C-alpha atoms as a PDB file:
ATOM      1  CA  MET A   1       6.894  -3.656   9.950  1.00  0.00           C
ATOM      2  CA  THR A   2       3.219  -3.428  10.316  1.00  0.00           C
ATOM      3  CA  PRO A   3       0.926  -4.655   7.558  1.00  0.00           C
ATOM      4  CA  LYS A   4      -0.173  -1.063   6.869  1.00  0.00           C
ATOM      5  CA  ILE A   5       3.422   0.023   6.012  1.00  0.00           C
ATOM      6  CA  LEU A   6       4.083  -3.079   4.039  1.00  0.00           C
ATOM      7  CA  GLY A   7       0.997  -2.528   1.916  1.00  0.00           C
ATOM      8  CA  ILE A   8       2.070   1.008   1.181  1.00  0.00           C
ATOM      9  CA  VAL A   9       5.565  -0.141   0.196  1.00  0.00           C
ATOM     10  CA  ILE A  10       4.119  -2.898  -1.952  1.00  0.00           C
ATOM     11  CA  LEU A  11       1.867  -0.634  -3.808  1.00  0.00           C
ATOM     12  CA  GLY A  12       4.020   2.610  -3.721  1.00  0.00           C
ATOM     13  CA  LEU A  13       7.314   1.430  -5.014  1.00  0.00           C
ATOM     14  CA  PRO A  14       6.148  -0.015  -8.345  1.00  0.00           C
ATOM     15  CA  LEU A  15       3.851   3.061  -9.011  1.00  0.00           C
ATOM     16  CA  LEU A  16       6.755   5.391  -8.227  1.00  0.00           C
ATOM     17  CA  LEU A  17       9.206   3.461 -10.460  1.00  0.00           C
ATOM     18  CA  VAL A  18       6.733   3.438 -13.408  1.00  0.00           C
ATOM     19  CA  ALA A  19       5.951   7.151 -12.970  1.00  0.00           C
ATOM     20  CA  TRP A  20       9.693   7.931 -12.705  1.00  0.00           C
ATOM     21  CA  ALA A  21      10.617   5.876 -15.750  1.00  0.00           C
ATOM     22  CA  ALA A  22       7.817   7.269 -17.903  1.00  0.00           C
ATOM     23  CA  LEU A  23       7.806  10.984 -16.901  1.00  0.00           C
ATOM     24  CA  TRP A  24      11.000  12.077 -15.216  1.00  0.00           C
ATOM     25  CA  ARG A  25      13.066  13.091 -18.278  1.00  0.00           C
ATOM     26  CA  ARG A  26      10.230  14.325 -20.509  1.00  0.00           C
ATOM     27  CA  HIS A  27       7.551  15.885 -18.353  1.00  0.00           C
ATOM     28  CA  ARG A  28       8.869  16.713 -14.919  1.00  0.00           C
ATOM     29  CA  PRO A  29       5.876  18.786 -13.768  1.00  0.00           C
ATOM     30  CA  VAL A  30       3.624  15.899 -14.844  1.00  0.00           C
ATOM     31  CA  PHE A  31       5.850  13.502 -12.803  1.00  0.00           C
ATOM     32  CA  TYR A  32       5.277  15.743  -9.665  1.00  0.00           C
ATOM     33  CA  PHE A  33       1.531  15.670 -10.273  1.00  0.00           C
ATOM     34  CA  ALA A  34       1.612  11.960 -10.629  1.00  0.00           C
ATOM     35  CA  LEU A  35       3.603  11.680  -7.457  1.00  0.00           C
ATOM     36  CA  ALA A  36       1.014  13.734  -5.641  1.00  0.00           C
ATOM     37  CA  LEU A  37      -1.747  11.573  -7.052  1.00  0.00           C
ATOM     38  CA  ILE A  38       0.159   8.468  -5.761  1.00  0.00           C
ATOM     39  CA  VAL A  39       0.459   9.880  -2.358  1.00  0.00           C
ATOM     40  CA  VAL A  40      -3.225  10.772  -2.137  1.00  0.00           C
ATOM     41  CA  ALA A  41      -4.133   7.325  -3.284  1.00  0.00           C
ATOM     42  CA  LEU A  42      -1.950   5.585  -0.844  1.00  0.00           C
ATOM     43  CA  GLY A  43      -3.238   7.778   1.900  1.00  0.00           C
ATOM     44  CA  TYR A  44      -6.776   6.790   1.030  1.00  0.00           C
ATOM     45  CA  LEU A  45      -6.043   3.151   0.877  1.00  0.00           C
ATOM     46  CA  ALA A  46      -4.176   3.333   4.236  1.00  0.00           C
ATOM     47  CA  ALA A  47      -7.110   5.147   5.842  1.00  0.00           C
ATOM     48  CA  THR A  48      -9.605   2.519   4.682  1.00  0.00           C
ATOM     49  CA  GLY A  49      -7.460  -0.369   5.754  1.00  0.00           C
ATOM     50  CA  ALA A  50      -6.913  -1.786   2.174  1.00  0.00           C
ATOM     51  CA  THR A  51      -3.124  -1.735   2.631  1.00  0.00           C
ATOM     52  CA  ASP A  52      -3.431  -4.205   5.463  1.00  0.00           C
ATOM     53  CA  ASP A  53      -5.472  -6.568   3.270  1.00  0.00           C
ATOM     54  CA  ILE A  54      -2.972  -6.158   0.370  1.00  0.00           C
ATOM     55  CA  ALA A  55       0.043  -6.922   2.550  1.00  0.00           C
ATOM     56  CA  GLN A  56      -1.729 -10.026   3.989  1.00  0.00           C
ATOM     57  CA  ALA A  57      -2.673 -11.169   0.446  1.00  0.00           C
ATOM     58  CA  VAL A  58       0.811 -10.690  -1.041  1.00  0.00           C
ATOM     59  CA  LEU A  59       2.885 -11.918   1.770  1.00  0.00           C
ATOM     60  CA  GLY A  60       0.512 -14.405   3.316  1.00  0.00           C
ATOM     61  CA  ALA A  61       0.897 -12.734   6.760  1.00  0.00           C
ATOM     62  CA  THR A  62      -1.358 -13.924   9.507  1.00  0.00           C
ATOM     63  CA  SER A  63      -3.654 -11.626  11.413  1.00  0.00           C
ATOM     64  CA  ASN A  64      -2.486 -10.308  14.769  1.00  0.00           C
ATOM     65  CA  SER A  65      -5.991 -10.578  16.247  1.00  0.00           C
ATOM     66  CA  VAL A  66      -6.825 -13.123  18.867  1.00  0.00           C
ATOM     67  CA  SER A  67      -9.797 -15.405  18.120  1.00  0.00           C
ATOM     68  CA  ALA A  68     -12.600 -15.715  20.635  1.00  0.00           C
ATOM     69  CA  PRO A  69     -12.372 -18.819  22.930  1.00  0.00           C
ATOM     70  CA  GLN A  70     -14.696 -21.646  21.841  1.00  0.00           C
ATOM     71  CA  PRO A  71     -16.955 -23.182  24.527  1.00  0.00           C
ATOM     72  CA  GLN A  72     -16.249 -26.755  25.523  1.00  0.00           C
ATOM     73  CA  ASN A  73     -19.007 -29.155  25.531  1.00  0.00           C
END
């Protein structure tokens, strides 16, 4: 899995579970609105690259980028 998907899962599942536990039985239309807000927020975070940073912070994953070669003296 890519860090972007992992970040979305790390953030999305707890938010969805809390919204479901608090709103599903009592206020179903409010739950659907909360679900839409969660989707928009996760989309924004994915577009800005924040989910990559969150996945790396939580899982300690290393970056896939290659560092520039260092000159030898």
